[in-house]
Amino acid sequence: MAVTIDEISALTEKLYIKLIADNVFNSNALLARMHKRGMKTDGGTAIHTPLMYARVGASGAIRGFEAMNIDADDQFTAVDFGYKEYYAAIVVSRREVLLNSGVSAKVKHLSAKAMAAEMTLRDIMGTGLQSDGTTTRLIEGLDAATQNTTVYPNTNAGDGSLGIDPSVETWWQSGFRGAATALIAGVTLGTDGSNAARIFQVFTGRLTEAPFGPTIYITTQDGFDRFHAGTVTISHSGVTPSGGQQFTDPHLASLGFETLLFRGKPIVVDSHVTGNRIFGLNENFLDLMSHEDENFTFSPYREPVNQKAMVGYVFWTGNLVCNNRRYQGLITDYAA
């Protein structure tokens, strides 16, 4: 019996689309944690994000019948984050369908095709999450969220974004962006892990205003290894944390991510981080917003007019939204 496009679409939708989404999000520690929060948007020309930038002026201390200040003033403004669109094609030739007869053979073959789409989306979304906002098709990433010299989000992206210039509106700057030597004069994170605790302590302090502070640190494998070397002692009796450091974050550990904890917050590797970088992030003010109608949505297979093939698509639309940069930071070069 001939296999129809509808049957192949149904198999793909049923078996692989949710799996692709889960595997993409869980391939990246920050994506995994943001996915768990499940933030969605239901549309609009952009993701409209209110910002509180000032205290209420009509406030203060009084005594008895003293007159109160009731002058109106503004505390809020807003930015718009445009939608970023991602896709991966699942392409199956008619020949492949015919040669893989039987349901089990088709499932096995489609599994390989779906894995290719998943790996592609993992990579391009992970790259987007680190972007500086200048590549306009990519997610407005962490580099952009911590940048203090360019408009954020990128108003010139052509996607409806409308940002604010932090060099003019200094309240819209990140808590810290610079080399480790700007944190502590002359101090870098040595290859043997020397100064690790000092650097992280001062970095954390720059990004903290009680009760808010970093909830996760993202770095390279080298940065992770240097911190590990400087904060643990390894002997025949095992691994002994020093300075109160611990080794596991339960949620990330359950997904297979190796972590260290600094002041109870995870330090984790992201392969997409470039250079000698360490991000300190507060996820309470960071959301990976997904459009509810295109959150790893599968578009059924269709046949090109000039090929014996079927092409289906997996789509994601959204953006990384930051509504308070004060609590985000980046050590741009921990080894310089």
C-alpha atoms as a PDB file:
ATOM      1  CA  MET A   1       0.000   0.000   0.000  1.00  0.00           C
ATOM      2  CA  ALA A   2       1.370   3.443  -0.921  1.00  0.00           C
ATOM      3  CA  VAL A   3       2.609   5.621   1.913  1.00  0.00           C
ATOM      4  CA  THR A   4       1.023   9.072   1.957  1.00  0.00           C
ATOM      5  CA  ILE A   5       2.527  12.388   2.984  1.00  0.00           C
ATOM      6  CA  ASP A   6      -0.095  12.634   5.705  1.00  0.00           C
ATOM      7  CA  GLU A   7       1.096   9.374   7.251  1.00  0.00           C
ATOM      8  CA  ILE A   8       4.728  10.519   7.298  1.00  0.00           C
ATOM      9  CA  SER A   9       3.673  13.869   8.789  1.00  0.00           C
ATOM     10  CA  ALA A  10       1.641  12.126  11.480  1.00  0.00           C
ATOM     11  CA  LEU A  11       4.570   9.885  12.427  1.00  0.00           C
ATOM     12  CA  THR A  12       6.941  12.856  12.633  1.00  0.00           C
ATOM     13  CA  GLU A  13       4.511  14.956  14.665  1.00  0.00           C
ATOM     14  CA  LYS A  14       3.682  12.148  17.067  1.00  0.00           C
ATOM     15  CA  LEU A  15       7.164  10.800  17.687  1.00  0.00           C
ATOM     16  CA  TYR A  16       9.679  13.572  17.218  1.00  0.00           C
ATOM     17  CA  ILE A  17       8.558  17.180  17.498  1.00  0.00           C
ATOM     18  CA  LYS A  18       8.262  17.337  21.294  1.00  0.00           C
ATOM     19  CA  LEU A  19      11.469  15.291  21.530  1.00  0.00           C
ATOM     20  CA  ILE A  20      13.287  17.780  19.294  1.00  0.00           C
ATOM     21  CA  ALA A  21      12.073  20.703  21.430  1.00  0.00           C
ATOM     22  CA  ASP A  22      13.070  19.051  24.710  1.00  0.00           C
ATOM     23  CA  ASN A  23      16.488  18.044  23.401  1.00  0.00           C
ATOM     24  CA  VAL A  24      17.202  21.504  21.993  1.00  0.00           C
ATOM     25  CA  PHE A  25      16.329  23.253  25.237  1.00  0.00           C
ATOM     26  CA  ASN A  26      18.084  20.692  27.411  1.00  0.00           C
ATOM     27  CA  SER A  27      21.307  20.913  25.388  1.00  0.00           C
ATOM     28  CA  ASN A  28      22.109  24.278  26.951  1.00  0.00           C
ATOM     29  CA  ALA A  29      22.069  24.932  30.689  1.00  0.00           C
ATOM     30  CA  LEU A  30      20.550  28.397  30.461  1.00  0.00           C
ATOM     31  CA  LEU A  31      17.998  27.351  27.835  1.00  0.00           C
ATOM     32  CA  ALA A  32      17.044  24.386  30.002  1.00  0.00           C
ATOM     33  CA  ARG A  33      16.363  26.595  33.017  1.00  0.00           C
ATOM     34  CA  MET A  34      14.453  29.164  30.970  1.00  0.00           C
ATOM     35  CA  HIS A  35      12.399  26.461  29.289  1.00  0.00           C
ATOM     36  CA  LYS A  36      11.396  25.210  32.729  1.00  0.00           C
ATOM     37  CA  ARG A  37       9.898  28.660  33.435  1.00  0.00           C
ATOM     38  CA  GLY A  38       7.746  28.242  30.313  1.00  0.00           C
ATOM     39  CA  MET A  39       7.313  31.912  29.358  1.00  0.00           C
ATOM     40  CA  LYS A  40       5.061  32.445  26.313  1.00  0.00           C
ATOM     41  CA  THR A  41       3.782  35.390  24.306  1.00  0.00           C
ATOM     42  CA  ASP A  42       0.559  35.423  22.326  1.00  0.00           C
ATOM     43  CA  GLY A  43       1.533  37.867  19.589  1.00  0.00           C
ATOM     44  CA  GLY A  44       1.709  41.535  18.727  1.00  0.00           C
ATOM     45  CA  THR A  45       4.149  43.324  16.450  1.00  0.00           C
ATOM     46  CA  ALA A  46       6.892  42.898  19.077  1.00  0.00           C
ATOM     47  CA  ILE A  47       7.392  41.717  22.662  1.00  0.00           C
ATOM     48  CA  HIS A  48       6.477  44.871  24.609  1.00  0.00           C
ATOM     49  CA  THR A  49       8.474  45.025  27.842  1.00  0.00           C
ATOM     50  CA  PRO A  50       7.754  47.647  30.547  1.00  0.00           C
ATOM     51  CA  LEU A  51      10.734  48.940  32.559  1.00  0.00           C
ATOM     52  CA  MET A  52      10.786  50.719  35.914  1.00  0.00           C
ATOM     53  CA  TYR A  53      13.609  53.247  35.856  1.00  0.00           C
ATOM     54  CA  ALA A  54      12.897  55.677  38.722  1.00  0.00           C
ATOM     55  CA  ARG A  55      11.486  55.861  42.236  1.00  0.00           C
ATOM     56  CA  VAL A  56       8.202  57.601  43.033  1.00  0.00           C
ATOM     57  CA  GLY A  57       8.977  61.280  43.602  1.00  0.00           C
ATOM     58  CA  ALA A  58       5.837  61.885  45.663  1.00  0.00           C
ATOM     59  CA  SER A  59       7.184  60.205  48.782  1.00  0.00           C
ATOM     60  CA  GLY A  60       9.111  61.037  51.923  1.00  0.00           C
ATOM     61  CA  ALA A  61       8.877  61.501  55.662  1.00  0.00           C
ATOM     62  CA  ILE A  62       6.404  63.911  57.281  1.00  0.00           C
ATOM     63  CA  ARG A  63       5.220  64.946  60.718  1.00  0.00           C
ATOM     64  CA  GLY A  64       1.703  65.800  61.792  1.00  0.00           C
ATOM     65  CA  PHE A  65      -0.182  68.094  59.402  1.00  0.00           C
ATOM     66  CA  GLU A  66       2.735  68.825  57.061  1.00  0.00           C
ATOM     67  CA  ALA A  67       1.749  68.972  53.382  1.00  0.00           C
ATOM     68  CA  MET A  68       2.654  66.003  51.233  1.00  0.00           C
ATOM     69  CA  ASN A  69       4.160  66.169  47.740  1.00  0.00           C
ATOM     70  CA  ILE A  70       1.579  64.852  45.278  1.00  0.00           C
ATOM     71  CA  ASP A  71       3.310  65.929  42.059  1.00  0.00           C
ATOM     72  CA  ALA A  72       2.933  63.361  39.317  1.00  0.00           C
ATOM     73  CA  ASP A  73       6.107  61.849  37.892  1.00  0.00           C
ATOM     74  CA  ASP A  74       7.073  58.960  35.638  1.00  0.00           C
ATOM     75  CA  GLN A  75       8.625  55.734  36.827  1.00  0.00           C
ATOM     76  CA  PHE A  76       8.086  53.556  33.760  1.00  0.00           C
ATOM     77  CA  THR A  77       9.196  53.343  30.162  1.00  0.00           C
ATOM     78  CA  ALA A  78       9.292  50.380  27.789  1.00  0.00           C
ATOM     79  CA  VAL A  79      11.308  48.622  25.108  1.00  0.00           C
ATOM     80  CA  ASP A  80      10.141  46.357  22.289  1.00  0.00           C
ATOM     81  CA  PHE A  81      11.937  43.140  21.424  1.00  0.00           C
ATOM     82  CA  GLY A  82      11.283  42.004  17.855  1.00  0.00           C
ATOM     83  CA  TYR A  83      10.540  38.389  17.057  1.00  0.00           C
ATOM     84  CA  LYS A  84      13.396  36.173  15.909  1.00  0.00           C
ATOM     85  CA  GLU A  85      12.464  33.241  13.698  1.00  0.00           C
ATOM     86  CA  TYR A  86      14.244  29.902  13.461  1.00  0.00           C
ATOM     87  CA  TYR A  87      13.576  26.835  11.368  1.00  0.00           C
ATOM     88  CA  ALA A  88      14.999  23.455  10.438  1.00  0.00           C
ATOM     89  CA  ALA A  89      13.877  21.439   7.441  1.00  0.00           C
ATOM     90  CA  ILE A  90      13.258  17.690   7.522  1.00  0.00           C
ATOM     91  CA  VAL A  91      13.744  16.508   3.943  1.00  0.00           C
ATOM     92  CA  VAL A  92      12.790  12.987   2.879  1.00  0.00           C
ATOM     93  CA  SER A  93      13.109  11.741  -0.699  1.00  0.00           C
ATOM     94  CA  ARG A  94      10.420   9.542  -2.217  1.00  0.00           C
ATOM     95  CA  ARG A  95      13.104   6.934  -2.820  1.00  0.00           C
ATOM     96  CA  GLU A  96      13.944   6.857   0.899  1.00  0.00           C
ATOM     97  CA  VAL A  97      10.276   6.279   1.719  1.00  0.00           C
ATOM     98  CA  LEU A  98       9.980   3.435  -0.791  1.00  0.00           C
ATOM     99  CA  LEU A  99      13.185   1.730   0.341  1.00  0.00           C
ATOM    100  CA  ASN A 100      12.232   1.939   4.012  1.00  0.00           C
ATOM    101  CA  SER A 101       8.981   0.034   3.794  1.00  0.00           C
ATOM    102  CA  GLY A 102       7.149  -0.981   6.947  1.00  0.00           C
ATOM    103  CA  VAL A 103       6.363   1.161   9.957  1.00  0.00           C
ATOM    104  CA  SER A 104       9.460   0.224  11.991  1.00  0.00           C
ATOM    105  CA  ALA A 105      11.810   1.004   9.102  1.00  0.00           C
ATOM    106  CA  LYS A 106      10.096   4.334   8.481  1.00  0.00           C
ATOM    107  CA  VAL A 107      10.290   5.254  12.162  1.00  0.00           C
ATOM    108  CA  LYS A 108      14.017   4.456  12.235  1.00  0.00           C
ATOM    109  CA  HIS A 109      14.658   6.499   9.111  1.00  0.00           C
ATOM    110  CA  LEU A 110      12.611   9.486  10.284  1.00  0.00           C
ATOM    111  CA  SER A 111      14.439   9.337  13.600  1.00  0.00           C
ATOM    112  CA  ALA A 112      17.734  10.059  11.836  1.00  0.00           C
ATOM    113  CA  LYS A 113      16.161  12.929   9.894  1.00  0.00           C
ATOM    114  CA  ALA A 114      14.633  14.420  13.050  1.00  0.00           C
ATOM    115  CA  MET A 115      17.967  14.149  14.877  1.00  0.00           C
ATOM    116  CA  ALA A 116      19.636  16.198  12.144  1.00  0.00           C
ATOM    117  CA  ALA A 117      17.004  18.936  12.540  1.00  0.00           C
ATOM    118  CA  GLU A 118      17.402  18.836  16.326  1.00  0.00           C
ATOM    119  CA  MET A 119      21.205  19.150  16.194  1.00  0.00           C
ATOM    120  CA  THR A 120      20.917  22.086  13.789  1.00  0.00           C
ATOM    121  CA  LEU A 121      18.469  23.955  16.029  1.00  0.00           C
ATOM    122  CA  ARG A 122      20.598  23.219  19.100  1.00  0.00           C
ATOM    123  CA  ASP A 123      23.587  24.855  17.493  1.00  0.00           C
ATOM    124  CA  ILE A 124      21.947  27.928  15.953  1.00  0.00           C
ATOM    125  CA  MET A 125      19.844  28.711  19.038  1.00  0.00           C
ATOM    126  CA  GLY A 126      22.858  28.239  21.307  1.00  0.00           C
ATOM    127  CA  THR A 127      24.835  30.619  19.096  1.00  0.00           C
ATOM    128  CA  GLY A 128      21.941  33.089  19.140  1.00  0.00           C
ATOM    129  CA  LEU A 129      21.783  33.003  22.924  1.00  0.00           C
ATOM    130  CA  GLN A 130      25.352  34.359  23.025  1.00  0.00           C
ATOM    131  CA  SER A 131      24.949  36.966  20.265  1.00  0.00           C
ATOM    132  CA  ASP A 132      25.751  40.666  20.540  1.00  0.00           C
ATOM    133  CA  GLY A 133      22.669  41.849  18.648  1.00  0.00           C
ATOM    134  CA  THR A 134      24.536  42.943  15.527  1.00  0.00           C
ATOM    135  CA  THR A 135      23.564  39.856  13.523  1.00  0.00           C
ATOM    136  CA  THR A 136      19.959  40.892  13.151  1.00  0.00           C
ATOM    137  CA  ARG A 137      18.455  37.463  12.435  1.00  0.00           C
ATOM    138  CA  LEU A 138      19.780  35.962  15.678  1.00  0.00           C
ATOM    139  CA  ILE A 139      18.237  36.023  19.152  1.00  0.00           C
ATOM    140  CA  GLU A 140      19.194  39.229  20.999  1.00  0.00           C
ATOM    141  CA  GLY A 141      21.715  37.357  23.128  1.00  0.00           C
ATOM    142  CA  LEU A 142      23.637  37.686  26.380  1.00  0.00           C
ATOM    143  CA  ASP A 143      26.440  39.701  24.810  1.00  0.00           C
ATOM    144  CA  ALA A 144      23.834  42.286  23.764  1.00  0.00           C
ATOM    145  CA  ALA A 145      22.142  42.214  27.179  1.00  0.00           C
ATOM    146  CA  THR A 146      25.420  43.138  28.916  1.00  0.00           C
ATOM    147  CA  GLN A 147      26.646  45.660  26.301  1.00  0.00           C
ATOM    148  CA  ASN A 148      26.824  49.236  27.599  1.00  0.00           C
ATOM    149  CA  THR A 149      27.731  51.186  24.457  1.00  0.00           C
ATOM    150  CA  THR A 150      25.002  50.249  21.960  1.00  0.00           C
ATOM    151  CA  VAL A 151      21.224  50.523  21.891  1.00  0.00           C
ATOM    152  CA  TYR A 152      19.515  47.519  23.472  1.00  0.00           C
ATOM    153  CA  PRO A 153      17.536  45.891  22.025  1.00  0.00           C
ATOM    154  CA  ASN A 154      18.880  46.676  18.559  1.00  0.00           C
ATOM    155  CA  THR A 155      16.511  49.235  17.054  1.00  0.00           C
ATOM    156  CA  ASN A 156      18.124  48.705  13.624  1.00  0.00           C
ATOM    157  CA  ALA A 157      17.351  45.001  13.556  1.00  0.00           C
ATOM    158  CA  GLY A 158      14.463  45.492  11.143  1.00  0.00           C
ATOM    159  CA  ASP A 159      12.154  43.301  13.226  1.00  0.00           C
ATOM    160  CA  GLY A 160      10.206  45.926  15.166  1.00  0.00           C
ATOM    161  CA  SER A 161      12.673  46.206  18.056  1.00  0.00           C
ATOM    162  CA  LEU A 162      12.772  49.550  19.847  1.00  0.00           C
ATOM    163  CA  GLY A 163      15.571  49.969  22.356  1.00  0.00           C
ATOM    164  CA  ILE A 164      17.267  52.446  24.682  1.00  0.00           C
ATOM    165  CA  ASP A 165      20.821  53.800  24.490  1.00  0.00           C
ATOM    166  CA  PRO A 166      22.584  52.888  27.773  1.00  0.00           C
ATOM    167  CA  SER A 167      25.357  55.422  27.167  1.00  0.00           C
ATOM    168  CA  VAL A 168      22.657  58.105  27.564  1.00  0.00           C
ATOM    169  CA  GLU A 169      20.294  56.376  30.007  1.00  0.00           C
ATOM    170  CA  THR A 170      22.866  54.991  32.433  1.00  0.00           C
ATOM    171  CA  TRP A 171      20.222  53.181  34.510  1.00  0.00           C
ATOM    172  CA  TRP A 172      19.925  50.813  31.506  1.00  0.00           C
ATOM    173  CA  GLN A 173      23.545  49.662  31.791  1.00  0.00           C
ATOM    174  CA  SER A 174      24.599  46.213  32.971  1.00  0.00           C
ATOM    175  CA  GLY A 175      25.999  45.791  36.460  1.00  0.00           C
ATOM    176  CA  PHE A 176      29.507  45.088  35.173  1.00  0.00           C
ATOM    177  CA  ARG A 177      31.225  44.500  31.850  1.00  0.00           C
ATOM    178  CA  GLY A 178      34.996  44.381  31.599  1.00  0.00           C
ATOM    179  CA  ALA A 179      38.136  42.349  32.206  1.00  0.00           C
ATOM    180  CA  ALA A 180      38.883  40.726  35.544  1.00  0.00           C
ATOM    181  CA  THR A 181      41.581  43.337  36.145  1.00  0.00           C
ATOM    182  CA  ALA A 182      38.824  45.976  36.221  1.00  0.00           C
ATOM    183  CA  LEU A 183      37.288  44.149  39.174  1.00  0.00           C
ATOM    184  CA  ILE A 184      40.496  43.827  41.171  1.00  0.00           C
ATOM    185  CA  ALA A 185      43.515  45.767  39.896  1.00  0.00           C
ATOM    186  CA  GLY A 186      46.137  43.439  38.442  1.00  0.00           C
ATOM    187  CA  VAL A 187      44.266  40.250  39.382  1.00  0.00           C
ATOM    188  CA  THR A 188      43.379  37.569  36.830  1.00  0.00           C
ATOM    189  CA  LEU A 189      42.078  34.021  37.053  1.00  0.00           C
ATOM    190  CA  GLY A 190      45.247  31.930  36.888  1.00  0.00           C
ATOM    191  CA  THR A 191      45.511  28.585  35.118  1.00  0.00           C
ATOM    192  CA  ASP A 192      45.966  26.985  38.543  1.00  0.00           C
ATOM    193  CA  GLY A 193      42.717  28.559  39.728  1.00  0.00           C
ATOM    194  CA  SER A 194      44.425  31.224  41.797  1.00  0.00           C
ATOM    195  CA  ASN A 195      42.196  34.217  42.587  1.00  0.00           C
ATOM    196  CA  ALA A 196      39.035  32.355  41.535  1.00  0.00           C
ATOM    197  CA  ALA A 197      37.132  32.979  44.749  1.00  0.00           C
ATOM    198  CA  ARG A 198      38.245  36.634  44.901  1.00  0.00           C
ATOM    199  CA  ILE A 199      37.161  37.352  41.335  1.00  0.00           C
ATOM    200  CA  PHE A 200      33.799  35.642  41.706  1.00  0.00           C
ATOM    201  CA  GLN A 201      33.145  37.367  45.024  1.00  0.00           C
ATOM    202  CA  VAL A 202      33.797  40.861  43.663  1.00  0.00           C
ATOM    203  CA  PHE A 203      31.978  40.098  40.389  1.00  0.00           C
ATOM    204  CA  THR A 204      28.964  38.875  42.346  1.00  0.00           C
ATOM    205  CA  GLY A 205      29.033  41.985  44.523  1.00  0.00           C
ATOM    206  CA  ARG A 206      28.904  44.234  41.453  1.00  0.00           C
ATOM    207  CA  LEU A 207      25.761  42.439  40.260  1.00  0.00           C
ATOM    208  CA  THR A 208      23.984  42.319  43.613  1.00  0.00           C
ATOM    209  CA  GLU A 209      21.492  44.628  45.237  1.00  0.00           C
ATOM    210  CA  ALA A 210      19.694  42.733  47.973  1.00  0.00           C
ATOM    211  CA  PRO A 211      17.656  40.675  47.656  1.00  0.00           C
ATOM    212  CA  PHE A 212      18.693  40.222  44.001  1.00  0.00           C
ATOM    213  CA  GLY A 213      21.977  38.808  42.732  1.00  0.00           C
ATOM    214  CA  PRO A 214      23.248  36.338  40.139  1.00  0.00           C
ATOM    215  CA  THR A 215      21.327  33.077  39.885  1.00  0.00           C
ATOM    216  CA  ILE A 216      23.704  31.373  37.427  1.00  0.00           C
ATOM    217  CA  TYR A 217      27.198  31.805  35.965  1.00  0.00           C
ATOM    218  CA  ILE A 218      27.963  30.716  32.392  1.00  0.00           C
ATOM    219  CA  THR A 219      31.525  30.242  31.175  1.00  0.00           C
ATOM    220  CA  THR A 220      33.858  28.221  28.971  1.00  0.00           C
ATOM    221  CA  GLN A 221      35.306  24.832  29.856  1.00  0.00           C
ATOM    222  CA  ASP A 222      38.601  26.578  30.611  1.00  0.00           C
ATOM    223  CA  GLY A 223      36.913  29.052  32.955  1.00  0.00           C
ATOM    224  CA  PHE A 224      35.084  26.207  34.706  1.00  0.00           C
ATOM    225  CA  ASP A 225      38.322  24.195  35.066  1.00  0.00           C
ATOM    226  CA  ARG A 226      40.208  27.161  36.507  1.00  0.00           C
ATOM    227  CA  PHE A 227      37.500  27.801  39.083  1.00  0.00           C
ATOM    228  CA  HIS A 228      37.459  24.100  39.935  1.00  0.00           C
ATOM    229  CA  ALA A 229      41.241  24.020  40.379  1.00  0.00           C
ATOM    230  CA  GLY A 230      41.188  27.010  42.669  1.00  0.00           C
ATOM    231  CA  THR A 231      38.314  26.005  44.919  1.00  0.00           C
ATOM    232  CA  VAL A 232      38.763  22.281  45.603  1.00  0.00           C
ATOM    233  CA  THR A 233      41.383  19.999  47.043  1.00  0.00           C
ATOM    234  CA  ILE A 234      41.719  16.526  45.539  1.00  0.00           C
ATOM    235  CA  SER A 235      43.326  13.810  47.678  1.00  0.00           C
ATOM    236  CA  HIS A 236      43.194  10.047  48.116  1.00  0.00           C
ATOM    237  CA  SER A 237      40.161  10.495  50.330  1.00  0.00           C
ATOM    238  CA  GLY A 238      38.211  12.250  47.580  1.00  0.00           C
ATOM    239  CA  VAL A 239      37.291  15.784  46.562  1.00  0.00           C
ATOM    240  CA  THR A 240      37.057  18.354  49.325  1.00  0.00           C
ATOM    241  CA  PRO A 241      35.329  21.669  48.539  1.00  0.00           C
ATOM    242  CA  SER A 242      37.105  24.718  49.915  1.00  0.00           C
ATOM    243  CA  GLY A 243      35.560  28.055  50.715  1.00  0.00           C
ATOM    244  CA  GLY A 244      32.158  26.444  51.137  1.00  0.00           C
ATOM    245  CA  GLN A 245      31.877  25.437  47.472  1.00  0.00           C
ATOM    246  CA  GLN A 246      29.572  22.591  46.483  1.00  0.00           C
ATOM    247  CA  PHE A 247      29.317  20.516  43.346  1.00  0.00           C
ATOM    248  CA  THR A 248      25.771  19.980  42.211  1.00  0.00           C
ATOM    249  CA  ASP A 249      22.739  21.909  41.122  1.00  0.00           C
ATOM    250  CA  PRO A 250      19.922  19.318  41.245  1.00  0.00           C
ATOM    251  CA  HIS A 251      18.006  20.456  38.152  1.00  0.00           C
ATOM    252  CA  LEU A 252      21.071  20.837  35.941  1.00  0.00           C
ATOM    253  CA  ALA A 253      22.592  17.618  37.278  1.00  0.00           C
ATOM    254  CA  SER A 254      19.418  15.738  36.318  1.00  0.00           C
ATOM    255  CA  LEU A 255      19.963  16.930  32.722  1.00  0.00           C
ATOM    256  CA  GLY A 256      23.576  15.784  32.710  1.00  0.00           C
ATOM    257  CA  PHE A 257      25.297  19.156  33.259  1.00  0.00           C
ATOM    258  CA  GLU A 258      28.366  19.214  35.500  1.00  0.00           C
ATOM    259  CA  THR A 259      28.211  22.187  37.836  1.00  0.00           C
ATOM    260  CA  LEU A 260      30.067  23.926  40.615  1.00  0.00           C
ATOM    261  CA  LEU A 261      28.250  26.184  43.039  1.00  0.00           C
ATOM    262  CA  PHE A 262      29.434  29.597  44.161  1.00  0.00           C
ATOM    263  CA  ARG A 263      27.432  30.976  47.082  1.00  0.00           C
ATOM    264  CA  GLY A 264      24.814  28.357  46.234  1.00  0.00           C
ATOM    265  CA  LYS A 265      24.486  29.366  42.556  1.00  0.00           C
ATOM    266  CA  PRO A 266      25.598  27.135  39.675  1.00  0.00           C
ATOM    267  CA  ILE A 267      28.628  27.710  37.491  1.00  0.00           C
ATOM    268  CA  VAL A 268      28.162  25.787  34.263  1.00  0.00           C
ATOM    269  CA  VAL A 269      29.870  25.375  30.885  1.00  0.00           C
ATOM    270  CA  ASP A 270      28.293  26.532  27.635  1.00  0.00           C
ATOM    271  CA  SER A 271      30.227  25.487  24.525  1.00  0.00           C
ATOM    272  CA  HIS A 272      28.920  28.555  22.667  1.00  0.00           C
ATOM    273  CA  VAL A 273      30.646  31.017  25.016  1.00  0.00           C
ATOM    274  CA  THR A 274      33.616  32.506  23.166  1.00  0.00           C
ATOM    275  CA  GLY A 275      36.926  33.740  24.519  1.00  0.00           C
ATOM    276  CA  ASN A 276      37.812  33.908  28.200  1.00  0.00           C
ATOM    277  CA  ARG A 277      34.346  34.950  29.320  1.00  0.00           C
ATOM    278  CA  ILE A 278      32.180  34.547  32.396  1.00  0.00           C
ATOM    279  CA  PHE A 279      28.553  35.712  32.431  1.00  0.00           C
ATOM    280  CA  GLY A 280      26.846  36.429  35.746  1.00  0.00           C
ATOM    281  CA  LEU A 281      23.078  36.398  35.188  1.00  0.00           C
ATOM    282  CA  ASN A 282      19.924  36.929  37.186  1.00  0.00           C
ATOM    283  CA  GLU A 283      17.251  34.804  35.529  1.00  0.00           C
ATOM    284  CA  ASN A 284      14.447  36.640  37.329  1.00  0.00           C
ATOM    285  CA  PHE A 285      14.953  39.398  34.763  1.00  0.00           C
ATOM    286  CA  LEU A 286      15.739  37.204  31.739  1.00  0.00           C
ATOM    287  CA  ASP A 287      13.080  35.333  29.787  1.00  0.00           C
ATOM    288  CA  LEU A 288      13.284  33.283  26.628  1.00  0.00           C
ATOM    289  CA  MET A 289       9.900  34.291  25.269  1.00  0.00           C
ATOM    290  CA  SER A 290       8.381  31.818  22.798  1.00  0.00           C
ATOM    291  CA  HIS A 291       5.394  32.601  20.605  1.00  0.00           C
ATOM    292  CA  GLU A 292       2.664  30.205  21.684  1.00  0.00           C
ATOM    293  CA  ASP A 293       1.667  29.485  18.064  1.00  0.00           C
ATOM    294  CA  GLU A 294       5.201  28.744  16.897  1.00  0.00           C
ATOM    295  CA  ASN A 295       7.036  27.057  19.739  1.00  0.00           C
ATOM    296  CA  PHE A 296       8.681  24.157  17.924  1.00  0.00           C
ATOM    297  CA  THR A 297       5.679  23.822  15.675  1.00  0.00           C
ATOM    298  CA  PHE A 298       5.741  21.272  12.877  1.00  0.00           C
ATOM    299  CA  SER A 299       4.612  22.272   9.413  1.00  0.00           C
ATOM    300  CA  PRO A 300       3.463  19.088   7.599  1.00  0.00           C
ATOM    301  CA  TYR A 301       5.402  17.708   4.664  1.00  0.00           C
ATOM    302  CA  ARG A 302       4.762  19.067   1.229  1.00  0.00           C
ATOM    303  CA  GLU A 303       6.067  18.009  -2.199  1.00  0.00           C
ATOM    304  CA  PRO A 304       8.226  20.338  -4.293  1.00  0.00           C
ATOM    305  CA  VAL A 305       6.935  20.644  -7.846  1.00  0.00           C
ATOM    306  CA  ASN A 306      10.261  19.610  -9.396  1.00  0.00           C
ATOM    307  CA  GLN A 307      11.510  16.843  -7.074  1.00  0.00           C
ATOM    308  CA  LYS A 308      10.452  13.430  -5.807  1.00  0.00           C
ATOM    309  CA  ALA A 309      10.793  14.524  -2.200  1.00  0.00           C
ATOM    310  CA  MET A 310       8.897  15.705   0.866  1.00  0.00           C
ATOM    311  CA  VAL A 311       9.879  18.704   2.983  1.00  0.00           C
ATOM    312  CA  GLY A 312       8.578  19.417   6.480  1.00  0.00           C
ATOM    313  CA  TYR A 313       9.645  22.223   8.788  1.00  0.00           C
ATOM    314  CA  VAL A 314      10.102  22.797  12.515  1.00  0.00           C
ATOM    315  CA  PHE A 315       9.596  26.465  13.482  1.00  0.00           C
ATOM    316  CA  TRP A 316      10.383  28.511  16.597  1.00  0.00           C
ATOM    317  CA  THR A 317       9.667  32.218  17.029  1.00  0.00           C
ATOM    318  CA  GLY A 318      10.549  34.407  20.014  1.00  0.00           C
ATOM    319  CA  ASN A 319      13.451  36.250  21.616  1.00  0.00           C
ATOM    320  CA  LEU A 320      15.559  36.526  24.747  1.00  0.00           C
ATOM    321  CA  VAL A 321      14.122  39.395  26.787  1.00  0.00           C
ATOM    322  CA  CYS A 322      15.922  41.250  29.579  1.00  0.00           C
ATOM    323  CA  ASN A 323      13.945  43.808  31.597  1.00  0.00           C
ATOM    324  CA  ASN A 324      16.642  44.734  34.123  1.00  0.00           C
ATOM    325  CA  ARG A 325      20.271  44.886  33.033  1.00  0.00           C
ATOM    326  CA  ARG A 326      21.491  46.043  36.454  1.00  0.00           C
ATOM    327  CA  TYR A 327      21.710  42.407  37.550  1.00  0.00           C
ATOM    328  CA  GLN A 328      23.470  41.045  34.444  1.00  0.00           C
ATOM    329  CA  GLY A 329      27.224  41.126  33.911  1.00  0.00           C
ATOM    330  CA  LEU A 330      30.138  39.847  31.876  1.00  0.00           C
ATOM    331  CA  ILE A 331      33.813  39.354  32.616  1.00  0.00           C
ATOM    332  CA  THR A 332      35.126  39.810  29.100  1.00  0.00           C
ATOM    333  CA  ASP A 333      38.607  38.384  29.641  1.00  0.00           C
ATOM    334  CA  TYR A 334      39.265  36.578  32.903  1.00  0.00           C
ATOM    335  CA  ALA A 335      42.816  35.678  31.851  1.00  0.00           C
ATOM    336  CA  ALA A 336      44.077  39.081  30.714  1.00  0.00           C
END
